[in-house]
C-alpha atoms as a PDB file:
ATOM      1  CA  UNK A   1     -26.384   9.798  20.234  1.00  0.00           C
ATOM      2  CA  UNK A   2     -25.334   6.727  22.226  1.00  0.00           C
ATOM      3  CA  UNK A   3     -22.185   6.283  20.109  1.00  0.00           C
ATOM      4  CA  UNK A   4     -20.657   9.315  21.797  1.00  0.00           C
ATOM      5  CA  UNK A   5     -20.684   7.505  25.135  1.00  0.00           C
ATOM      6  CA  UNK A   6     -19.832   4.050  23.797  1.00  0.00           C
ATOM      7  CA  UNK A   7     -16.252   4.967  23.104  1.00  0.00           C
ATOM      8  CA  UNK A   8     -13.809   7.692  24.011  1.00  0.00           C
ATOM      9  CA  UNK A   9     -10.505   8.687  22.436  1.00  0.00           C
ATOM     10  CA  UNK A  10      -8.637   8.470  25.743  1.00  0.00           C
ATOM     11  CA  UNK A  11      -6.850   5.636  27.516  1.00  0.00           C
ATOM     12  CA  UNK A  12      -5.830   5.089  31.132  1.00  0.00           C
ATOM     13  CA  UNK A  13      -2.706   7.143  30.385  1.00  0.00           C
ATOM     14  CA  UNK A  14      -4.654  10.370  29.846  1.00  0.00           C
ATOM     15  CA  UNK A  15      -6.930   9.675  32.803  1.00  0.00           C
ATOM     16  CA  UNK A  16      -4.042   9.077  35.225  1.00  0.00           C
ATOM     17  CA  UNK A  17      -2.209  12.182  34.031  1.00  0.00           C
ATOM     18  CA  UNK A  18      -5.305  14.344  34.525  1.00  0.00           C
ATOM     19  CA  UNK A  19      -6.084  12.798  37.931  1.00  0.00           C
ATOM     20  CA  UNK A  20      -2.513  13.481  39.106  1.00  0.00           C
ATOM     21  CA  UNK A  21      -2.854  17.068  37.938  1.00  0.00           C
ATOM     22  CA  UNK A  22      -6.296  17.639  39.477  1.00  0.00           C
ATOM     23  CA  UNK A  23      -6.166  15.500  42.639  1.00  0.00           C
ATOM     24  CA  UNK A  24      -2.494  15.811  43.637  1.00  0.00           C
ATOM     25  CA  UNK A  25      -0.717  18.761  42.006  1.00  0.00           C
ATOM     26  CA  UNK A  26      -3.472  21.368  42.192  1.00  0.00           C
ATOM     27  CA  UNK A  27      -4.632  20.655  45.787  1.00  0.00           C
ATOM     28  CA  UNK A  28      -1.109  20.655  47.239  1.00  0.00           C
ATOM     29  CA  UNK A  29       0.782  23.256  45.227  1.00  0.00           C
ATOM     30  CA  UNK A  30      -2.077  25.594  44.305  1.00  0.00           C
ATOM     31  CA  UNK A  31      -4.880  25.244  46.867  1.00  0.00           C
ATOM     32  CA  UNK A  32      -2.520  24.763  49.821  1.00  0.00           C
ATOM     33  CA  UNK A  33       0.921  26.305  49.303  1.00  0.00           C
ATOM     34  CA  UNK A  34       0.074  29.098  46.861  1.00  0.00           C
ATOM     35  CA  UNK A  35      -3.212  29.924  48.598  1.00  0.00           C
ATOM     36  CA  UNK A  36      -1.398  30.439  51.908  1.00  0.00           C
ATOM     37  CA  UNK A  37       1.096  32.789  50.269  1.00  0.00           C
ATOM     38  CA  UNK A  38      -1.612  34.772  48.479  1.00  0.00           C
ATOM     39  CA  UNK A  39      -3.722  35.033  51.631  1.00  0.00           C
ATOM     40  CA  UNK A  40      -0.732  36.407  53.551  1.00  0.00           C
ATOM     41  CA  UNK A  41      -0.099  38.865  50.740  1.00  0.00           C
ATOM     42  CA  UNK A  42      -3.680  40.082  50.199  1.00  0.00           C
ATOM     43  CA  UNK A  43      -4.797  39.679  53.829  1.00  0.00           C
ATOM     44  CA  UNK A  44      -8.136  38.812  52.268  1.00  0.00           C
ATOM     45  CA  UNK A  45      -9.525  35.282  51.836  1.00  0.00           C
ATOM     46  CA  UNK A  46     -11.929  36.360  49.115  1.00  0.00           C
ATOM     47  CA  UNK A  47      -9.288  37.913  46.854  1.00  0.00           C
ATOM     48  CA  UNK A  48      -6.796  35.081  47.307  1.00  0.00           C
ATOM     49  CA  UNK A  49      -9.504  32.458  46.779  1.00  0.00           C
ATOM     50  CA  UNK A  50     -10.730  34.149  43.596  1.00  0.00           C
ATOM     51  CA  UNK A  51      -7.213  34.362  42.164  1.00  0.00           C
ATOM     52  CA  UNK A  52      -6.647  30.704  43.035  1.00  0.00           C
ATOM     53  CA  UNK A  53      -9.854  29.836  41.198  1.00  0.00           C
ATOM     54  CA  UNK A  54      -8.618  31.664  38.102  1.00  0.00           C
ATOM     55  CA  UNK A  55      -5.245  29.904  38.285  1.00  0.00           C
ATOM     56  CA  UNK A  56      -6.985  26.544  38.671  1.00  0.00           C
ATOM     57  CA  UNK A  57      -9.170  27.291  35.659  1.00  0.00           C
ATOM     58  CA  UNK A  58      -6.067  27.968  33.564  1.00  0.00           C
ATOM     59  CA  UNK A  59      -4.268  24.836  34.808  1.00  0.00           C
ATOM     60  CA  UNK A  60      -7.299  22.585  34.277  1.00  0.00           C
ATOM     61  CA  UNK A  61      -7.946  23.904  30.769  1.00  0.00           C
ATOM     62  CA  UNK A  62      -4.335  24.022  29.590  1.00  0.00           C
ATOM     63  CA  UNK A  63      -3.636  20.627  31.166  1.00  0.00           C
ATOM     64  CA  UNK A  64      -6.612  19.054  29.448  1.00  0.00           C
ATOM     65  CA  UNK A  65      -5.598  20.593  26.134  1.00  0.00           C
ATOM     66  CA  UNK A  66      -2.010  19.315  26.228  1.00  0.00           C
ATOM     67  CA  UNK A  67      -2.850  15.923  27.753  1.00  0.00           C
ATOM     68  CA  UNK A  68      -6.139  14.912  26.128  1.00  0.00           C
ATOM     69  CA  UNK A  69      -6.917  17.228  23.206  1.00  0.00           C
ATOM     70  CA  UNK A  70      -3.777  18.224  21.275  1.00  0.00           C
ATOM     71  CA  UNK A  71      -1.901  14.865  21.336  1.00  0.00           C
ATOM     72  CA  UNK A  72      -4.964  13.134  19.866  1.00  0.00           C
ATOM     73  CA  UNK A  73      -5.593  15.966  17.364  1.00  0.00           C
ATOM     74  CA  UNK A  74      -9.111  16.381  18.722  1.00  0.00           C
ATOM     75  CA  UNK A  75     -11.447  19.344  18.984  1.00  0.00           C
ATOM     76  CA  UNK A  76     -13.093  20.678  22.133  1.00  0.00           C
ATOM     77  CA  UNK A  77     -16.297  18.988  20.979  1.00  0.00           C
ATOM     78  CA  UNK A  78     -14.869  15.783  22.456  1.00  0.00           C
ATOM     79  CA  UNK A  79     -15.338  17.271  25.946  1.00  0.00           C
ATOM     80  CA  UNK A  80     -18.867  18.407  25.255  1.00  0.00           C
ATOM     81  CA  UNK A  81     -18.375  21.916  23.917  1.00  0.00           C
ATOM     82  CA  UNK A  82     -21.135  21.394  21.369  1.00  0.00           C
ATOM     83  CA  UNK A  83     -24.100  23.504  20.362  1.00  0.00           C
ATOM     84  CA  UNK A  84     -27.123  22.891  22.569  1.00  0.00           C
ATOM     85  CA  UNK A  85     -30.538  22.236  21.063  1.00  0.00           C
ATOM     86  CA  UNK A  86     -33.018  24.996  21.921  1.00  0.00           C
ATOM     87  CA  UNK A  87     -35.575  22.331  22.828  1.00  0.00           C
ATOM     88  CA  UNK A  88     -33.544  21.437  25.936  1.00  0.00           C
ATOM     89  CA  UNK A  89     -33.680  24.891  27.517  1.00  0.00           C
ATOM     90  CA  UNK A  90     -37.001  24.093  29.204  1.00  0.00           C
ATOM     91  CA  UNK A  91     -35.463  20.974  30.758  1.00  0.00           C
ATOM     92  CA  UNK A  92     -32.509  23.074  31.901  1.00  0.00           C
ATOM     93  CA  UNK A  93     -34.852  25.373  33.828  1.00  0.00           C
ATOM     94  CA  UNK A  94     -36.507  22.330  35.372  1.00  0.00           C
ATOM     95  CA  UNK A  95     -33.179  20.955  36.553  1.00  0.00           C
ATOM     96  CA  UNK A  96     -32.278  24.314  38.111  1.00  0.00           C
ATOM     97  CA  UNK A  97     -35.473  24.170  40.175  1.00  0.00           C
ATOM     98  CA  UNK A  98     -34.889  20.522  41.127  1.00  0.00           C
ATOM     99  CA  UNK A  99     -31.326  21.278  42.223  1.00  0.00           C
ATOM    100  CA  UNK A 100     -32.415  24.208  44.396  1.00  0.00           C
ATOM    101  CA  UNK A 101     -35.197  22.178  46.030  1.00  0.00           C
ATOM    102  CA  UNK A 102     -32.870  19.226  46.571  1.00  0.00           C
ATOM    103  CA  UNK A 103     -30.219  21.474  48.093  1.00  0.00           C
ATOM    104  CA  UNK A 104     -32.721  23.012  50.529  1.00  0.00           C
ATOM    105  CA  UNK A 105     -33.959  19.559  51.577  1.00  0.00           C
ATOM    106  CA  UNK A 106     -30.429  18.240  52.069  1.00  0.00           C
ATOM    107  CA  UNK A 107     -29.459  21.351  54.044  1.00  0.00           C
ATOM    108  CA  UNK A 108     -32.369  20.825  56.447  1.00  0.00           C
ATOM    109  CA  UNK A 109     -31.476  17.128  56.815  1.00  0.00           C
ATOM    110  CA  UNK A 110     -27.823  17.974  57.554  1.00  0.00           C
ATOM    111  CA  UNK A 111     -28.845  20.534  60.157  1.00  0.00           C
ATOM    112  CA  UNK A 112     -31.397  18.180  61.725  1.00  0.00           C
ATOM    113  CA  UNK A 113     -29.132  15.114  61.877  1.00  0.00           C
ATOM    114  CA  UNK A 114     -25.712  16.652  62.468  1.00  0.00           C
ATOM    115  CA  UNK A 115     -26.457  20.236  63.546  1.00  0.00           C
ATOM    116  CA  UNK A 116     -24.462  21.478  60.567  1.00  0.00           C
ATOM    117  CA  UNK A 117     -25.549  24.795  59.084  1.00  0.00           C
ATOM    118  CA  UNK A 118     -24.941  26.217  55.638  1.00  0.00           C
ATOM    119  CA  UNK A 119     -22.214  28.702  56.581  1.00  0.00           C
ATOM    120  CA  UNK A 120     -18.591  27.938  55.751  1.00  0.00           C
ATOM    121  CA  UNK A 121     -15.338  29.825  55.293  1.00  0.00           C
ATOM    122  CA  UNK A 122     -16.365  31.039  51.834  1.00  0.00           C
ATOM    123  CA  UNK A 123     -19.710  32.471  52.909  1.00  0.00           C
ATOM    124  CA  UNK A 124     -18.182  34.006  56.024  1.00  0.00           C
ATOM    125  CA  UNK A 125     -15.482  35.654  53.909  1.00  0.00           C
ATOM    126  CA  UNK A 126     -18.147  37.326  51.766  1.00  0.00           C
ATOM    127  CA  UNK A 127     -20.405  38.306  54.675  1.00  0.00           C
ATOM    128  CA  UNK A 128     -17.586  39.929  56.642  1.00  0.00           C
ATOM    129  CA  UNK A 129     -16.421  42.026  53.666  1.00  0.00           C
ATOM    130  CA  UNK A 130     -19.643  43.211  52.094  1.00  0.00           C
ATOM    131  CA  UNK A 131     -19.066  45.717  49.329  1.00  0.00           C
ATOM    132  CA  UNK A 132     -20.158  46.004  45.719  1.00  0.00           C
ATOM    133  CA  UNK A 133     -16.659  45.174  44.488  1.00  0.00           C
ATOM    134  CA  UNK A 134     -16.317  42.122  46.734  1.00  0.00           C
ATOM    135  CA  UNK A 135     -19.748  40.824  45.751  1.00  0.00           C
ATOM    136  CA  UNK A 136     -18.815  41.191  42.067  1.00  0.00           C
ATOM    137  CA  UNK A 137     -15.537  39.349  42.652  1.00  0.00           C
ATOM    138  CA  UNK A 138     -17.301  36.506  44.456  1.00  0.00           C
ATOM    139  CA  UNK A 139     -20.018  36.321  41.800  1.00  0.00           C
ATOM    140  CA  UNK A 140     -17.557  36.193  38.887  1.00  0.00           C
ATOM    141  CA  UNK A 141     -15.519  33.515  40.635  1.00  0.00           C
ATOM    142  CA  UNK A 142     -18.476  31.299  41.553  1.00  0.00           C
ATOM    143  CA  UNK A 143     -20.849  31.900  38.642  1.00  0.00           C
ATOM    144  CA  UNK A 144     -18.465  32.359  35.718  1.00  0.00           C
ATOM    145  CA  UNK A 145     -14.998  30.903  36.307  1.00  0.00           C
ATOM    146  CA  UNK A 146     -15.783  27.750  38.304  1.00  0.00           C
ATOM    147  CA  UNK A 147     -18.701  26.416  36.206  1.00  0.00           C
ATOM    148  CA  UNK A 148     -16.761  26.582  32.949  1.00  0.00           C
ATOM    149  CA  UNK A 149     -13.536  24.813  33.883  1.00  0.00           C
ATOM    150  CA  UNK A 150     -15.173  22.376  36.300  1.00  0.00           C
ATOM    151  CA  UNK A 151     -17.727  21.201  33.746  1.00  0.00           C
ATOM    152  CA  UNK A 152     -15.117  20.853  31.010  1.00  0.00           C
ATOM    153  CA  UNK A 153     -13.094  18.511  33.205  1.00  0.00           C
ATOM    154  CA  UNK A 154     -15.501  16.714  35.568  1.00  0.00           C
ATOM    155  CA  UNK A 155     -18.246  16.106  33.034  1.00  0.00           C
ATOM    156  CA  UNK A 156     -16.695  16.686  29.608  1.00  0.00           C
ATOM    157  CA  UNK A 157     -13.620  14.551  30.233  1.00  0.00           C
ATOM    158  CA  UNK A 158     -13.980  12.563  33.461  1.00  0.00           C
ATOM    159  CA  UNK A 159     -17.629  11.539  33.218  1.00  0.00           C
ATOM    160  CA  UNK A 160     -17.285  10.595  29.564  1.00  0.00           C
ATOM    161  CA  UNK A 161     -14.198   8.463  30.269  1.00  0.00           C
ATOM    162  CA  UNK A 162     -15.829   6.537  33.153  1.00  0.00           C
ATOM    163  CA  UNK A 163     -19.171   6.306  31.346  1.00  0.00           C
ATOM    164  CA  UNK A 164     -17.489   4.797  28.284  1.00  0.00           C
ATOM    165  CA  UNK A 165     -15.643   2.160  30.289  1.00  0.00           C
ATOM    166  CA  UNK A 166     -18.165   1.241  32.999  1.00  0.00           C
ATOM    167  CA  UNK A 167     -21.614   2.484  32.020  1.00  0.00           C
ATOM    168  CA  UNK A 168     -24.114   5.176  32.893  1.00  0.00           C
ATOM    169  CA  UNK A 169     -24.683   4.542  36.625  1.00  0.00           C
ATOM    170  CA  UNK A 170     -20.992   4.110  37.463  1.00  0.00           C
ATOM    171  CA  UNK A 171     -20.069   7.149  35.404  1.00  0.00           C
ATOM    172  CA  UNK A 172     -22.581   9.366  37.173  1.00  0.00           C
ATOM    173  CA  UNK A 173     -21.790   8.117  40.690  1.00  0.00           C
ATOM    174  CA  UNK A 174     -17.985   7.998  40.459  1.00  0.00           C
ATOM    175  CA  UNK A 175     -17.561  11.320  38.650  1.00  0.00           C
ATOM    176  CA  UNK A 176     -19.968  12.988  41.098  1.00  0.00           C
ATOM    177  CA  UNK A 177     -18.130  11.461  44.067  1.00  0.00           C
ATOM    178  CA  UNK A 178     -14.787  12.783  42.825  1.00  0.00           C
ATOM    179  CA  UNK A 179     -16.418  16.156  42.174  1.00  0.00           C
ATOM    180  CA  UNK A 180     -17.672  16.079  45.768  1.00  0.00           C
ATOM    181  CA  UNK A 181     -14.408  15.157  47.513  1.00  0.00           C
ATOM    182  CA  UNK A 182     -12.412  17.882  45.754  1.00  0.00           C
ATOM    183  CA  UNK A 183     -14.701  20.389  47.517  1.00  0.00           C
ATOM    184  CA  UNK A 184     -13.375  19.346  50.915  1.00  0.00           C
ATOM    185  CA  UNK A 185     -13.005  21.072  53.421  1.00  0.00           C
ATOM    186  CA  UNK A 186     -16.408  22.738  52.856  1.00  0.00           C
ATOM    187  CA  UNK A 187     -17.978  19.648  54.428  1.00  0.00           C
ATOM    188  CA  UNK A 188     -21.493  21.042  54.802  1.00  0.00           C
ATOM    189  CA  UNK A 189     -21.734  21.496  51.032  1.00  0.00           C
ATOM    190  CA  UNK A 190     -20.680  17.943  50.143  1.00  0.00           C
ATOM    191  CA  UNK A 191     -24.155  16.311  49.955  1.00  0.00           C
ATOM    192  CA  UNK A 192     -25.545  18.825  47.498  1.00  0.00           C
ATOM    193  CA  UNK A 193     -22.249  18.981  45.623  1.00  0.00           C
ATOM    194  CA  UNK A 194     -22.724  15.266  44.970  1.00  0.00           C
ATOM    195  CA  UNK A 195     -26.342  15.868  43.965  1.00  0.00           C
ATOM    196  CA  UNK A 196     -25.333  18.640  41.593  1.00  0.00           C
ATOM    197  CA  UNK A 197     -22.709  16.355  40.056  1.00  0.00           C
ATOM    198  CA  UNK A 198     -25.440  13.826  39.270  1.00  0.00           C
ATOM    199  CA  UNK A 199     -27.617  16.520  37.680  1.00  0.00           C
ATOM    200  CA  UNK A 200     -24.761  17.891  35.587  1.00  0.00           C
ATOM    201  CA  UNK A 201     -23.735  14.426  34.394  1.00  0.00           C
ATOM    202  CA  UNK A 202     -27.316  13.550  33.467  1.00  0.00           C
ATOM    203  CA  UNK A 203     -27.769  16.677  31.332  1.00  0.00           C
ATOM    204  CA  UNK A 204     -24.488  15.871  29.587  1.00  0.00           C
ATOM    205  CA  UNK A 205     -25.702  12.330  28.989  1.00  0.00           C
ATOM    206  CA  UNK A 206     -28.953  13.535  27.447  1.00  0.00           C
ATOM    207  CA  UNK A 207     -27.469  16.223  25.191  1.00  0.00           C
ATOM    208  CA  UNK A 208     -23.779  15.346  24.598  1.00  0.00           C
ATOM    209  CA  UNK A 209     -23.196  19.007  25.474  1.00  0.00           C
ATOM    210  CA  UNK A 210     -21.813  20.440  28.701  1.00  0.00           C
ATOM    211  CA  UNK A 211     -23.558  23.763  28.117  1.00  0.00           C
ATOM    212  CA  UNK A 212     -26.667  22.768  30.143  1.00  0.00           C
ATOM    213  CA  UNK A 213     -24.413  21.812  33.057  1.00  0.00           C
ATOM    214  CA  UNK A 214     -22.499  25.093  32.771  1.00  0.00           C
ATOM    215  CA  UNK A 215     -25.770  27.063  32.727  1.00  0.00           C
ATOM    216  CA  UNK A 216     -27.263  25.209  35.726  1.00  0.00           C
ATOM    217  CA  UNK A 217     -23.968  25.332  37.623  1.00  0.00           C
ATOM    218  CA  UNK A 218     -23.580  29.050  36.947  1.00  0.00           C
ATOM    219  CA  UNK A 219     -27.132  29.998  37.965  1.00  0.00           C
ATOM    220  CA  UNK A 220     -26.982  27.826  41.082  1.00  0.00           C
ATOM    221  CA  UNK A 221     -23.661  29.300  42.228  1.00  0.00           C
ATOM    222  CA  UNK A 222     -24.713  32.832  41.350  1.00  0.00           C
ATOM    223  CA  UNK A 223     -27.974  32.547  43.282  1.00  0.00           C
ATOM    224  CA  UNK A 224     -26.082  31.049  46.224  1.00  0.00           C
ATOM    225  CA  UNK A 225     -23.808  34.103  46.312  1.00  0.00           C
ATOM    226  CA  UNK A 226     -26.765  36.483  46.185  1.00  0.00           C
ATOM    227  CA  UNK A 227     -28.603  34.581  48.942  1.00  0.00           C
ATOM    228  CA  UNK A 228     -25.437  34.645  51.051  1.00  0.00           C
ATOM    229  CA  UNK A 229     -25.312  38.431  50.693  1.00  0.00           C
ATOM    230  CA  UNK A 230     -29.022  39.000  51.285  1.00  0.00           C
ATOM    231  CA  UNK A 231     -29.431  36.574  54.187  1.00  0.00           C
END
Protein backbone atom coordinates (compact mmCIF):
# COMPACT_ATOMS: atom_id res chain seq x y z
CA UNK A 1 0.00 0.00 0.00
CA UNK A 2 2.79 2.44 0.87
CA UNK A 3 4.27 2.19 -2.65
CA UNK A 4 1.36 4.21 -3.99
CA UNK A 5 2.46 7.21 -1.94
CA UNK A 6 6.20 6.69 -2.33
CA UNK A 7 6.19 7.79 -5.92
CA UNK A 8 3.91 9.61 -8.32
CA UNK A 9 3.94 9.81 -12.10
CA UNK A 10 3.91 13.61 -12.11
CA UNK A 11 6.67 16.21 -12.03
CA UNK A 12 6.72 19.89 -11.08
CA UNK A 13 5.54 20.65 -14.62
CA UNK A 14 2.14 19.01 -14.10
CA UNK A 15 1.77 20.50 -10.63
CA UNK A 16 2.49 24.06 -11.80
CA UNK A 17 0.12 23.73 -14.74
CA UNK A 18 -2.70 22.49 -12.49
CA UNK A 19 -2.02 25.16 -9.85
CA UNK A 20 -2.16 27.90 -12.51
CA UNK A 21 -5.45 26.49 -13.74
CA UNK A 22 -7.00 26.09 -10.28
CA UNK A 23 -5.52 29.04 -8.35
CA UNK A 24 -5.24 31.69 -11.08
CA UNK A 25 -7.40 30.96 -14.14
CA UNK A 26 -10.51 29.60 -12.44
CA UNK A 27 -10.74 32.19 -9.61
CA UNK A 28 -10.29 35.19 -11.92
CA UNK A 29 -12.01 34.20 -15.15
CA UNK A 30 -14.67 31.84 -13.80
CA UNK A 31 -15.41 32.71 -10.16
CA UNK A 32 -15.01 36.47 -10.66
CA UNK A 33 -15.68 37.61 -14.23
CA UNK A 34 -18.07 34.89 -15.40
CA UNK A 35 -19.88 34.73 -12.05
CA UNK A 36 -20.62 38.46 -12.21
CA UNK A 37 -22.05 38.12 -15.71
CA UNK A 38 -24.18 35.10 -14.78
CA UNK A 39 -25.46 36.78 -11.62
CA UNK A 40 -26.52 39.83 -13.64
CA UNK A 41 -28.22 37.54 -16.14
CA UNK A 42 -30.03 35.23 -13.70
CA UNK A 43 -30.56 37.86 -10.98
CA UNK A 44 -30.12 34.91 -8.63
CA UNK A 45 -26.94 34.08 -6.69
CA UNK A 46 -27.96 30.47 -6.21
CA UNK A 47 -28.48 29.71 -9.90
CA UNK A 48 -25.33 31.51 -11.03
CA UNK A 49 -23.27 29.89 -8.26
CA UNK A 50 -24.55 26.41 -9.15
CA UNK A 51 -23.75 26.89 -12.84
CA UNK A 52 -20.29 28.16 -11.92
CA UNK A 53 -19.77 25.04 -9.81
CA UNK A 54 -20.68 22.84 -12.78
CA UNK A 55 -18.33 24.78 -15.07
CA UNK A 56 -15.54 24.47 -12.50
CA UNK A 57 -16.14 20.74 -12.24
CA UNK A 58 -15.75 20.40 -16.01
CA UNK A 59 -12.60 22.57 -16.10
CA UNK A 60 -10.97 20.76 -13.17
CA UNK A 61 -11.71 17.31 -14.60
CA UNK A 62 -10.85 18.06 -18.22
CA UNK A 63 -7.74 19.99 -17.16
CA UNK A 64 -6.53 17.14 -15.01
CA UNK A 65 -7.17 14.66 -17.81
CA UNK A 66 -5.21 16.59 -20.45
CA UNK A 67 -2.42 17.72 -18.11
CA UNK A 68 -1.82 14.76 -15.80
CA UNK A 69 -3.66 11.69 -17.12
CA UNK A 70 -3.60 11.50 -20.93
CA UNK A 71 0.01 12.69 -21.57
CA UNK A 72 1.31 10.02 -19.18
CA UNK A 73 -1.06 7.35 -20.58
CA UNK A 74 -2.45 6.77 -17.09
CA UNK A 75 -5.83 5.66 -15.81
CA UNK A 76 -8.05 7.49 -13.33
CA UNK A 77 -6.87 5.02 -10.69
CA UNK A 78 -3.78 7.21 -10.35
CA UNK A 79 -5.96 9.92 -8.75
CA UNK A 80 -7.65 7.50 -6.40
CA UNK A 81 -10.67 6.36 -8.39
CA UNK A 82 -10.26 2.82 -7.08
CA UNK A 83 -12.71 0.35 -5.62
CA UNK A 84 -13.16 0.82 -1.88
CA UNK A 85 -12.96 -2.13 0.49
CA UNK A 86 -16.28 -2.79 2.23
CA UNK A 87 -14.43 -3.09 5.54
CA UNK A 88 -13.74 0.67 5.49
CA UNK A 89 -17.38 1.75 5.39
CA UNK A 90 -17.62 1.63 9.19
CA UNK A 91 -14.60 3.94 9.45
CA UNK A 92 -16.22 6.25 6.91
CA UNK A 93 -19.28 6.62 9.15
CA UNK A 94 -16.99 7.34 12.09
CA UNK A 95 -15.21 10.09 10.19
CA UNK A 96 -18.54 11.67 9.23
CA UNK A 97 -19.45 11.90 12.92
CA UNK A 98 -16.01 13.25 13.86
CA UNK A 99 -16.21 15.91 11.14
CA UNK A 100 -19.65 17.07 12.26
CA UNK A 101 -18.59 17.24 15.92
CA UNK A 102 -15.38 19.05 15.01
CA UNK A 103 -17.27 21.53 12.85
CA UNK A 104 -19.73 22.31 15.66
CA UNK A 105 -16.87 22.84 18.13
CA UNK A 106 -14.97 25.09 15.74
CA UNK A 107 -18.13 27.08 14.98
CA UNK A 108 -18.68 27.77 18.68
CA UNK A 109 -15.02 28.76 19.11
CA UNK A 110 -15.21 31.15 16.13
CA UNK A 111 -18.37 32.74 17.49
CA UNK A 112 -16.94 33.00 21.01
CA UNK A 113 -13.55 34.44 20.00
CA UNK A 114 -14.43 36.54 16.96
CA UNK A 115 -18.23 36.88 17.11
CA UNK A 116 -18.45 35.19 13.71
CA UNK A 117 -21.57 33.16 13.04
CA UNK A 118 -22.16 30.37 10.56
CA UNK A 119 -24.16 32.38 8.01
CA UNK A 120 -22.52 33.49 4.77
CA UNK A 121 -23.57 34.57 1.30
CA UNK A 122 -24.29 30.99 0.25
CA UNK A 123 -26.56 30.18 3.18
CA UNK A 124 -28.31 33.54 2.90
CA UNK A 125 -28.93 32.92 -0.81
CA UNK A 126 -30.68 29.64 0.00
CA UNK A 127 -32.64 30.99 2.98
CA UNK A 128 -33.98 33.98 1.06
CA UNK A 129 -35.19 31.84 -1.87
CA UNK A 130 -36.70 28.81 -0.19
CA UNK A 131 -38.46 26.53 -2.63
CA UNK A 132 -38.28 22.84 -3.45
CA UNK A 133 -36.53 23.55 -6.74
CA UNK A 134 -33.95 25.87 -5.17
CA UNK A 135 -33.23 23.41 -2.36
CA UNK A 136 -32.69 20.65 -4.94
CA UNK A 137 -30.36 22.89 -6.94
CA UNK A 138 -28.33 23.77 -3.85
CA UNK A 139 -28.22 20.14 -2.72
CA UNK A 140 -27.03 18.83 -6.10
CA UNK A 141 -24.37 21.52 -6.29
CA UNK A 142 -23.03 21.01 -2.76
CA UNK A 143 -23.55 17.27 -2.26
CA UNK A 144 -22.94 15.88 -5.74
CA UNK A 145 -20.94 18.19 -8.01
CA UNK A 146 -18.45 19.74 -5.56
CA UNK A 147 -17.38 16.57 -3.70
CA UNK A 148 -16.52 14.69 -6.88
CA UNK A 149 -14.33 17.20 -8.69
CA UNK A 150 -12.79 18.65 -5.53
CA UNK A 151 -11.71 15.25 -4.22
CA UNK A 152 -10.31 14.19 -7.59
CA UNK A 153 -8.06 17.24 -7.65
CA UNK A 154 -7.28 18.22 -4.04
CA UNK A 155 -6.79 14.71 -2.72
CA UNK A 156 -6.38 12.46 -5.76
CA UNK A 157 -3.81 14.66 -7.49
CA UNK A 158 -2.58 17.41 -5.16
CA UNK A 159 -2.31 15.47 -1.91
CA UNK A 160 -0.64 12.53 -3.62
CA UNK A 161 1.91 14.80 -5.32
CA UNK A 162 2.87 16.62 -2.09
CA UNK A 163 2.74 13.42 -0.04
CA UNK A 164 5.12 11.69 -2.45
CA UNK A 165 7.65 14.51 -2.37
CA UNK A 166 7.50 15.68 1.26
CA UNK A 167 5.78 13.05 3.38
CA UNK A 168 2.51 12.40 5.16
CA UNK A 169 2.29 15.40 7.53
CA UNK A 170 3.32 17.98 4.91
CA UNK A 171 0.98 16.45 2.36
CA UNK A 172 -2.00 16.60 4.69
CA UNK A 173 -1.31 20.12 5.97
CA UNK A 174 -0.36 21.81 2.69
CA UNK A 175 -3.12 20.23 0.59
CA UNK A 176 -5.68 21.06 3.29
CA UNK A 177 -4.40 24.64 3.52
CA UNK A 178 -4.74 25.13 -0.24
CA UNK A 179 -8.19 23.54 -0.08
CA UNK A 180 -9.05 26.04 2.65
CA UNK A 181 -7.82 29.23 0.95
CA UNK A 182 -9.69 28.51 -2.29
CA UNK A 183 -12.91 28.75 -0.23
CA UNK A 184 -12.27 32.42 0.49
CA UNK A 185 -14.33 34.66 0.86
CA UNK A 186 -16.52 32.39 3.02
CA UNK A 187 -14.18 33.18 5.91
CA UNK A 188 -16.32 31.68 8.68
CA UNK A 189 -16.09 28.26 7.02
CA UNK A 190 -12.29 28.24 6.69
CA UNK A 191 -11.41 26.47 9.99
CA UNK A 192 -13.65 23.49 9.35
CA UNK A 193 -12.76 23.48 5.66
CA UNK A 194 -9.17 22.92 6.78
CA UNK A 195 -10.31 20.22 9.21
CA UNK A 196 -12.31 18.48 6.51
CA UNK A 197 -9.28 18.59 4.21
CA UNK A 198 -7.27 16.72 6.85
CA UNK A 199 -10.01 14.10 7.22
CA UNK A 200 -10.34 13.60 3.47
CA UNK A 201 -6.57 13.29 3.00
CA UNK A 202 -6.30 10.78 5.84
CA UNK A 203 -8.99 8.50 4.39
CA UNK A 204 -7.21 8.66 1.04
CA UNK A 205 -3.95 7.77 2.75
CA UNK A 206 -5.48 4.75 4.46
CA UNK A 207 -7.33 3.35 1.44
CA UNK A 208 -5.61 4.71 -1.71
CA UNK A 209 -9.17 5.52 -2.80
CA UNK A 210 -10.87 8.91 -2.88
CA UNK A 211 -14.31 7.33 -2.58
CA UNK A 212 -14.38 7.62 1.25
CA UNK A 213 -13.55 11.32 0.94
CA UNK A 214 -16.25 11.80 -1.70
CA UNK A 215 -18.81 10.03 0.50
CA UNK A 216 -17.91 12.02 3.65
CA UNK A 217 -17.70 15.28 1.70
CA UNK A 218 -21.06 14.64 0.05
CA UNK A 219 -22.90 13.71 3.26
CA UNK A 220 -21.37 16.63 5.16
CA UNK A 221 -22.32 19.17 2.47
CA UNK A 222 -25.76 17.66 1.99
CA UNK A 223 -26.53 17.75 5.72
CA UNK A 224 -25.25 21.33 5.88
CA UNK A 225 -27.73 22.33 3.16
CA UNK A 226 -30.60 20.61 4.95
CA UNK A 227 -29.68 22.22 8.29
CA UNK A 228 -29.48 25.60 6.57
CA UNK A 229 -33.02 25.11 5.26
CA UNK A 230 -34.45 23.76 8.52
CA UNK A 231 -32.76 26.23 10.86
